PDB file of all heavy atoms in Angstrom:
ATOM      1  N   GLU A   1       6.542  98.301 164.559  1.00  0.00           N
ATOM      2  CA  GLU A   1       5.689  99.006 163.639  1.00  0.00           C
ATOM      3  C   GLU A   1       4.372  98.224 163.358  1.00  0.00           C
ATOM      4  O   GLU A   1       3.954  98.111 162.208  1.00  0.00           O
ATOM      5  CB  GLU A   1       6.427  99.160 162.240  1.00  0.00           C
ATOM      6  CG  GLU A   1       7.698 100.042 162.325  1.00  0.00           C
ATOM      7  CD  GLU A   1       7.392 101.541 162.455  1.00  0.00           C
ATOM      8  OE1 GLU A   1       6.224 101.922 162.231  1.00  0.00           O
ATOM      9  OE2 GLU A   1       8.277 102.299 162.852  1.00  0.00           O
ATOM     10  N   ILE A   2       3.803  97.678 164.442  1.00  0.00           N
ATOM     11  CA  ILE A   2       2.555  97.010 164.302  1.00  0.00           C
ATOM     12  C   ILE A   2       1.347  97.960 164.239  1.00  0.00           C
ATOM     13  O   ILE A   2       1.510  99.120 164.663  1.00  0.00           O
ATOM     14  CB  ILE A   2       2.322  95.954 165.411  1.00  0.00           C
ATOM     15  CG1 ILE A   2       2.189  96.653 166.733  1.00  0.00           C
ATOM     16  CG2 ILE A   2       3.451  94.945 165.429  1.00  0.00           C
ATOM     17  CD1 ILE A   2       1.781  95.759 167.896  1.00  0.00           C
ATOM     18  N   PHE A   3       0.240  97.473 163.742  1.00  0.00           N
ATOM     19  CA  PHE A   3      -0.972  98.329 163.692  1.00  0.00           C
ATOM     20  C   PHE A   3      -1.750  98.018 164.975  1.00  0.00           C
ATOM     21  O   PHE A   3      -2.456  97.000 165.056  1.00  0.00           O
ATOM     22  CB  PHE A   3      -1.794  98.034 162.425  1.00  0.00           C
ATOM     23  CG  PHE A   3      -1.075  98.291 161.195  1.00  0.00           C
ATOM     24  CD1 PHE A   3      -0.688  97.294 160.341  1.00  0.00           C
ATOM     25  CD2 PHE A   3      -0.720  99.627 160.819  1.00  0.00           C
ATOM     26  CE1 PHE A   3       0.015  97.527 159.176  1.00  0.00           C
ATOM     27  CE2 PHE A   3      -0.037  99.831 159.639  1.00  0.00           C
ATOM     28  CZ  PHE A   3       0.317  98.819 158.862  1.00  0.00           C
ATOM     29  N   SER A   4      -1.592  98.878 165.967  1.00  0.00           N
ATOM     30  CA  SER A   4      -2.154  98.561 167.305  1.00  0.00           C
ATOM     31  C   SER A   4      -3.658  98.592 167.325  1.00  0.00           C
ATOM     32  O   SER A   4      -4.261  97.951 168.202  1.00  0.00           O
ATOM     33  CB  SER A   4      -1.562  99.568 168.337  1.00  0.00           C
ATOM     34  OG  SER A   4      -1.970 100.847 167.982  1.00  0.00           O
ATOM     35  N   ASN A   5      -4.292  99.256 166.383  1.00  0.00           N
ATOM     36  CA  ASN A   5      -5.782  99.304 166.361  1.00  0.00           C
ATOM     37  C   ASN A   5      -6.382  98.139 165.606  1.00  0.00           C
ATOM     38  O   ASN A   5      -7.610  98.024 165.504  1.00  0.00           O
ATOM     39  CB  ASN A   5      -6.236 100.614 165.747  1.00  0.00           C
ATOM     40  CG  ASN A   5      -5.748 100.777 164.320  1.00  0.00           C
ATOM     41  OD1 ASN A   5      -4.678 100.329 163.959  1.00  0.00           O
ATOM     42  ND2 ASN A   5      -6.566 101.404 163.465  1.00  0.00           N
ATOM     43  N   MET A   6      -5.598  97.244 165.072  1.00  0.00           N
ATOM     44  CA  MET A   6      -6.055  96.039 164.384  1.00  0.00           C
ATOM     45  C   MET A   6      -5.862  94.804 165.241  1.00  0.00           C
ATOM     46  O   MET A   6      -5.112  94.806 166.221  1.00  0.00           O
ATOM     47  CB  MET A   6      -5.294  95.854 163.067  1.00  0.00           C
ATOM     48  CG  MET A   6      -5.499  96.886 162.025  1.00  0.00           C
ATOM     49  SD  MET A   6      -4.588  96.436 160.506  1.00  0.00           S
ATOM     50  CE  MET A   6      -5.070  97.811 159.382  1.00  0.00           C
ATOM     51  N   THR A   7      -6.567  93.698 164.864  1.00  0.00           N
ATOM     52  CA  THR A   7      -6.326  92.473 165.513  1.00  0.00           C
ATOM     53  C   THR A   7      -5.038  91.865 165.060  1.00  0.00           C
ATOM     54  O   THR A   7      -4.366  92.335 164.093  1.00  0.00           O
ATOM     55  CB  THR A   7      -7.516  91.479 165.162  1.00  0.00           C
ATOM     56  OG1 THR A   7      -7.432  91.102 163.810  1.00  0.00           O
ATOM     57  CG2 THR A   7      -8.871  92.081 165.524  1.00  0.00           C
ATOM     58  N   VAL A   8      -4.629  90.846 165.722  1.00  0.00           N
ATOM     59  CA  VAL A   8      -3.421  90.103 165.408  1.00  0.00           C
ATOM     60  C   VAL A   8      -3.520  89.584 163.924  1.00  0.00           C
ATOM     61  O   VAL A   8      -2.572  89.711 163.109  1.00  0.00           O
ATOM     62  CB  VAL A   8      -3.178  88.939 166.408  1.00  0.00           C
ATOM     63  CG1 VAL A   8      -2.090  87.974 165.898  1.00  0.00           C
ATOM     64  CG2 VAL A   8      -2.821  89.490 167.766  1.00  0.00           C
ATOM     65  N   LEU A   9      -4.665  88.944 163.587  1.00  0.00           N
ATOM     66  CA  LEU A   9      -4.896  88.408 162.299  1.00  0.00           C
ATOM     67  C   LEU A   9      -4.841  89.518 161.205  1.00  0.00           C
ATOM     68  O   LEU A   9      -4.204  89.342 160.179  1.00  0.00           O
ATOM     69  CB  LEU A   9      -6.212  87.672 162.251  1.00  0.00           C
ATOM     70  CG  LEU A   9      -6.597  87.049 160.858  1.00  0.00           C
ATOM     71  CD1 LEU A   9      -5.589  86.025 160.419  1.00  0.00           C
ATOM     72  CD2 LEU A   9      -7.961  86.443 160.926  1.00  0.00           C
ATOM     73  N   GLU A  10      -5.524  90.613 161.479  1.00  0.00           N
ATOM     74  CA  GLU A  10      -5.597  91.698 160.526  1.00  0.00           C
ATOM     75  C   GLU A  10      -4.182  92.276 160.273  1.00  0.00           C
ATOM     76  O   GLU A  10      -3.861  92.609 159.084  1.00  0.00           O
ATOM     77  CB  GLU A  10      -6.488  92.798 161.046  1.00  0.00           C
ATOM     78  CG  GLU A  10      -7.976  92.439 160.968  1.00  0.00           C
ATOM     79  CD  GLU A  10      -8.828  93.412 161.690  1.00  0.00           C
ATOM     80  OE1 GLU A  10      -8.304  94.196 162.572  1.00  0.00           O
ATOM     81  OE2 GLU A  10     -10.078  93.383 161.492  1.00  0.00           O
ATOM     82  N   ASN A  11      -3.291  92.330 161.286  1.00  0.00           N
ATOM     83  CA  ASN A  11      -1.972  92.763 161.050  1.00  0.00           C
ATOM     84  C   ASN A  11      -1.220  91.880 160.065  1.00  0.00           C
ATOM     85  O   ASN A  11      -0.532  92.366 159.161  1.00  0.00           O
ATOM     86  CB  ASN A  11      -1.164  92.751 162.428  1.00  0.00           C
ATOM     87  CG  ASN A  11      -1.152  94.057 163.106  1.00  0.00           C
ATOM     88  OD1 ASN A  11      -0.275  94.904 162.925  1.00  0.00           O
ATOM     89  ND2 ASN A  11      -2.178  94.347 163.895  1.00  0.00           N
ATOM     90  N   VAL A  12      -1.355  90.613 160.225  1.00  0.00           N
ATOM     91  CA  VAL A  12      -0.687  89.681 159.375  1.00  0.00           C
ATOM     92  C   VAL A  12      -1.295  89.681 157.942  1.00  0.00           C
ATOM     93  O   VAL A  12      -0.558  89.525 156.915  1.00  0.00           O
ATOM     94  CB  VAL A  12      -0.649  88.223 159.925  1.00  0.00           C
ATOM     95  CG1 VAL A  12       0.100  87.268 159.005  1.00  0.00           C
ATOM     96  CG2 VAL A  12       0.026  88.244 161.237  1.00  0.00           C
ATOM     97  N   MET A  13      -2.583  89.891 157.843  1.00  0.00           N
ATOM     98  CA  MET A  13      -3.228  89.973 156.582  1.00  0.00           C
ATOM     99  C   MET A  13      -2.712  91.112 155.743  1.00  0.00           C
ATOM    100  O   MET A  13      -2.639  91.017 154.480  1.00  0.00           O
ATOM    101  CB  MET A  13      -4.746  90.108 156.760  1.00  0.00           C
ATOM    102  CG  MET A  13      -5.438  88.809 157.218  1.00  0.00           C
ATOM    103  SD  MET A  13      -7.234  89.020 157.587  1.00  0.00           S
ATOM    104  CE  MET A  13      -7.862  89.336 155.924  1.00  0.00           C
ATOM    105  N   THR A  14      -2.241  92.175 156.380  1.00  0.00           N
ATOM    106  CA  THR A  14      -1.650  93.304 155.591  1.00  0.00           C
ATOM    107  C   THR A  14      -0.434  92.880 154.865  1.00  0.00           C
ATOM    108  O   THR A  14      -0.097  93.349 153.732  1.00  0.00           O
ATOM    109  CB  THR A  14      -1.307  94.497 156.487  1.00  0.00           C
ATOM    110  OG1 THR A  14      -0.313  94.131 157.401  1.00  0.00           O
ATOM    111  CG2 THR A  14      -2.548  95.013 157.232  1.00  0.00           C
ATOM    112  N   GLY A  15       0.331  91.895 155.438  1.00  0.00           N
ATOM    113  CA  GLY A  15       1.480  91.348 154.717  1.00  0.00           C
ATOM    114  C   GLY A  15       1.081  90.565 153.445  1.00  0.00           C
ATOM    115  O   GLY A  15       1.761  90.657 152.459  1.00  0.00           O
ATOM    116  N   CYS A  16      -0.007  89.833 153.604  1.00  0.00           N
ATOM    117  CA  CYS A  16      -0.487  89.037 152.459  1.00  0.00           C
ATOM    118  C   CYS A  16      -1.026  89.970 151.358  1.00  0.00           C
ATOM    119  O   CYS A  16      -0.903  89.613 150.159  1.00  0.00           O
ATOM    120  CB  CYS A  16      -1.644  88.101 152.873  1.00  0.00           C
ATOM    121  SG  CYS A  16      -1.117  86.854 154.111  1.00  0.00           S
ATOM    122  N   HIS A  17      -1.617  91.096 151.734  1.00  0.00           N
ATOM    123  CA  HIS A  17      -2.194  91.956 150.704  1.00  0.00           C
ATOM    124  C   HIS A  17      -1.154  92.466 149.696  1.00  0.00           C
ATOM    125  O   HIS A  17      -1.451  92.825 148.614  1.00  0.00           O
ATOM    126  CB  HIS A  17      -2.872  93.172 151.367  1.00  0.00           C
ATOM    127  CG  HIS A  17      -4.294  92.922 151.802  1.00  0.00           C
ATOM    128  ND1 HIS A  17      -5.287  92.811 150.919  1.00  0.00           N
ATOM    129  CD2 HIS A  17      -4.821  92.762 153.078  1.00  0.00           C
ATOM    130  CE1 HIS A  17      -6.438  92.559 151.541  1.00  0.00           C
ATOM    131  NE2 HIS A  17      -6.203  92.561 152.838  1.00  0.00           N
ATOM    132  N   ALA A  18       0.123  92.477 150.123  1.00  0.00           N
ATOM    133  CA  ALA A  18       1.172  92.923 149.248  1.00  0.00           C
ATOM    134  C   ALA A  18       1.327  91.989 148.039  1.00  0.00           C
ATOM    135  O   ALA A  18       1.746  92.350 146.972  1.00  0.00           O
ATOM    136  CB  ALA A  18       2.485  93.026 149.971  1.00  0.00           C
ATOM    137  N   ARG A  19       0.892  90.687 148.234  1.00  0.00           N
ATOM    138  CA  ARG A  19       1.014  89.680 147.148  1.00  0.00           C
ATOM    139  C   ARG A  19      -0.299  89.430 146.451  1.00  0.00           C
ATOM    140  O   ARG A  19      -0.313  89.218 145.249  1.00  0.00           O
ATOM    141  CB  ARG A  19       1.567  88.377 147.752  1.00  0.00           C
ATOM    142  CG  ARG A  19       2.953  88.420 148.340  1.00  0.00           C
ATOM    143  CD  ARG A  19       3.337  87.083 148.840  1.00  0.00           C
ATOM    144  NE  ARG A  19       2.505  86.627 149.911  1.00  0.00           N
ATOM    145  CZ  ARG A  19       1.587  85.641 149.814  1.00  0.00           C
ATOM    146  NH1 ARG A  19       1.399  85.023 148.678  1.00  0.00           N
ATOM    147  NH2 ARG A  19       0.823  85.290 150.856  1.00  0.00           N
ATOM    148  N   LEU A  20      -1.392  89.370 147.190  1.00  0.00           N
ATOM    149  CA  LEU A  20      -2.690  88.992 146.698  1.00  0.00           C
ATOM    150  C   LEU A  20      -3.546  90.202 146.576  1.00  0.00           C
ATOM    151  O   LEU A  20      -4.060  90.739 147.576  1.00  0.00           O
ATOM    152  CB  LEU A  20      -3.370  87.931 147.593  1.00  0.00           C
ATOM    153  CG  LEU A  20      -2.567  86.662 147.803  1.00  0.00           C
ATOM    154  CD1 LEU A  20      -3.248  85.748 148.827  1.00  0.00           C
ATOM    155  CD2 LEU A  20      -2.362  85.895 146.485  1.00  0.00           C
ATOM    156  N   ARG A  21      -3.726  90.703 145.373  1.00  0.00           N
ATOM    157  CA  ARG A  21      -4.442  91.930 145.147  1.00  0.00           C
ATOM    158  C   ARG A  21      -5.711  91.684 144.338  1.00  0.00           C
ATOM    159  O   ARG A  21      -5.784  90.745 143.601  1.00  0.00           O
ATOM    160  CB  ARG A  21      -3.597  92.954 144.432  1.00  0.00           C
ATOM    161  CG  ARG A  21      -2.306  93.347 145.271  1.00  0.00           C
ATOM    162  CD  ARG A  21      -1.498  94.353 144.530  1.00  0.00           C
ATOM    163  NE  ARG A  21      -0.289  94.735 145.307  1.00  0.00           N
ATOM    164  CZ  ARG A  21       0.640  95.581 144.875  1.00  0.00           C
ATOM    165  NH1 ARG A  21       0.483  96.135 143.698  1.00  0.00           N
ATOM    166  NH2 ARG A  21       1.670  95.854 145.631  1.00  0.00           N
ATOM    167  N   VAL A  22      -6.626  92.613 144.487  1.00  0.00           N
ATOM    168  CA  VAL A  22      -7.877  92.564 143.722  1.00  0.00           C
ATOM    169  C   VAL A  22      -8.202  94.013 143.398  1.00  0.00           C
ATOM    170  O   VAL A  22      -7.825  94.953 144.146  1.00  0.00           O
ATOM    171  CB  VAL A  22      -8.992  91.895 144.533  1.00  0.00           C
ATOM    172  CG1 VAL A  22      -9.397  92.731 145.752  1.00  0.00           C
ATOM    173  CG2 VAL A  22     -10.207  91.596 143.629  1.00  0.00           C
ATOM    174  N   ALA A  23      -8.877  94.245 142.287  1.00  0.00           N
ATOM    175  CA  ALA A  23      -9.279  95.600 141.904  1.00  0.00           C
ATOM    176  C   ALA A  23     -10.087  96.252 142.954  1.00  0.00           C
ATOM    177  O   ALA A  23     -10.957  95.614 143.654  1.00  0.00           O
ATOM    178  CB  ALA A  23      -9.991  95.587 140.591  1.00  0.00           C
ATOM    179  N   SER A  24      -9.895  97.584 143.129  1.00  0.00           N
ATOM    180  CA  SER A  24     -10.600  98.292 144.197  1.00  0.00           C
ATOM    181  C   SER A  24     -12.066  98.252 144.008  1.00  0.00           C
ATOM    182  O   SER A  24     -12.842  98.125 144.990  1.00  0.00           O
ATOM    183  CB  SER A  24     -10.124  99.749 144.276  1.00  0.00           C
ATOM    184  OG  SER A  24     -10.288 100.393 143.020  1.00  0.00           O
ATOM    185  N   TRP A  25     -12.569  98.284 142.766  1.00  0.00           N
ATOM    186  CA  TRP A  25     -14.041  98.273 142.525  1.00  0.00           C
ATOM    187  C   TRP A  25     -14.605  96.920 142.923  1.00  0.00           C
ATOM    188  O   TRP A  25     -15.757  96.869 143.442  1.00  0.00           O
ATOM    189  CB  TRP A  25     -14.328  98.605 141.083  1.00  0.00           C
ATOM    190  CG  TRP A  25     -13.888  97.551 140.082  1.00  0.00           C
ATOM    191  CD1 TRP A  25     -12.718  97.465 139.423  1.00  0.00           C
ATOM    192  CD2 TRP A  25     -14.680  96.392 139.661  1.00  0.00           C
ATOM    193  NE1 TRP A  25     -12.729  96.344 138.590  1.00  0.00           N
ATOM    194  CE2 TRP A  25     -13.879  95.685 138.740  1.00  0.00           C
ATOM    195  CE3 TRP A  25     -15.930  95.889 139.968  1.00  0.00           C
ATOM    196  CZ2 TRP A  25     -14.317  94.487 138.101  1.00  0.00           C
ATOM    197  CZ3 TRP A  25     -16.386  94.740 139.374  1.00  0.00           C
ATOM    198  CH2 TRP A  25     -15.593  94.068 138.457  1.00  0.00           C
ATOM    199  N   GLN A  26     -13.806  95.855 142.789  1.00  0.00           N
ATOM    200  CA  GLN A  26     -14.306  94.577 143.233  1.00  0.00           C
ATOM    201  C   GLN A  26     -14.425  94.505 144.751  1.00  0.00           C
ATOM    202  O   GLN A  26     -15.340  93.892 145.282  1.00  0.00           O
ATOM    203  CB  GLN A  26     -13.389  93.446 142.691  1.00  0.00           C
ATOM    204  CG  GLN A  26     -13.445  93.251 141.188  1.00  0.00           C
ATOM    205  CD  GLN A  26     -12.621  92.093 140.717  1.00  0.00           C
ATOM    206  OE1 GLN A  26     -11.484  91.941 141.182  1.00  0.00           O
ATOM    207  NE2 GLN A  26     -13.140  91.320 139.785  1.00  0.00           N
ATOM    208  N   SER A  27     -13.435  95.083 145.469  1.00  0.00           N
ATOM    209  CA  SER A  27     -13.483  95.129 146.900  1.00  0.00           C
ATOM    210  C   SER A  27     -14.681  95.933 147.389  1.00  0.00           C
ATOM    211  O   SER A  27     -15.425  95.540 148.322  1.00  0.00           O
ATOM    212  CB  SER A  27     -12.205  95.755 147.464  1.00  0.00           C
ATOM    213  OG  SER A  27     -11.091  94.931 147.178  1.00  0.00           O
ATOM    214  N   LEU A  28     -14.936  97.053 146.709  1.00  0.00           N
ATOM    215  CA  LEU A  28     -16.086  97.928 147.142  1.00  0.00           C
ATOM    216  C   LEU A  28     -17.420  97.205 146.957  1.00  0.00           C
ATOM    217  O   LEU A  28     -18.325  97.330 147.759  1.00  0.00           O
ATOM    218  CB  LEU A  28     -16.046  99.210 146.329  1.00  0.00           C
ATOM    219  CG  LEU A  28     -14.960 100.235 146.686  1.00  0.00           C
ATOM    220  CD1 LEU A  28     -14.895 101.355 145.673  1.00  0.00           C
ATOM    221  CD2 LEU A  28     -15.225 100.769 148.114  1.00  0.00           C
ATOM    222  N   LEU A  29     -17.519  96.423 145.833  1.00  0.00           N
ATOM    223  CA  LEU A  29     -18.782  95.751 145.537  1.00  0.00           C
ATOM    224  C   LEU A  29     -18.822  94.360 146.195  1.00  0.00           C
ATOM    225  O   LEU A  29     -19.886  93.687 146.013  1.00  0.00           O
ATOM    226  CB  LEU A  29     -18.953  95.656 144.018  1.00  0.00           C
ATOM    227  CG  LEU A  29     -19.060  96.957 143.255  1.00  0.00           C
ATOM    228  CD1 LEU A  29     -19.157  96.723 141.760  1.00  0.00           C
ATOM    229  CD2 LEU A  29     -20.304  97.757 143.743  1.00  0.00           C
TER     230      LEU A  29
END
């Protein structure tokens, strides 16, 4: 169930995002 359109690093970063979150408005800005 890997994300084939992402890089190897980006795939693993999705796992980290489950723990380290930031408000969506902060990401947009």
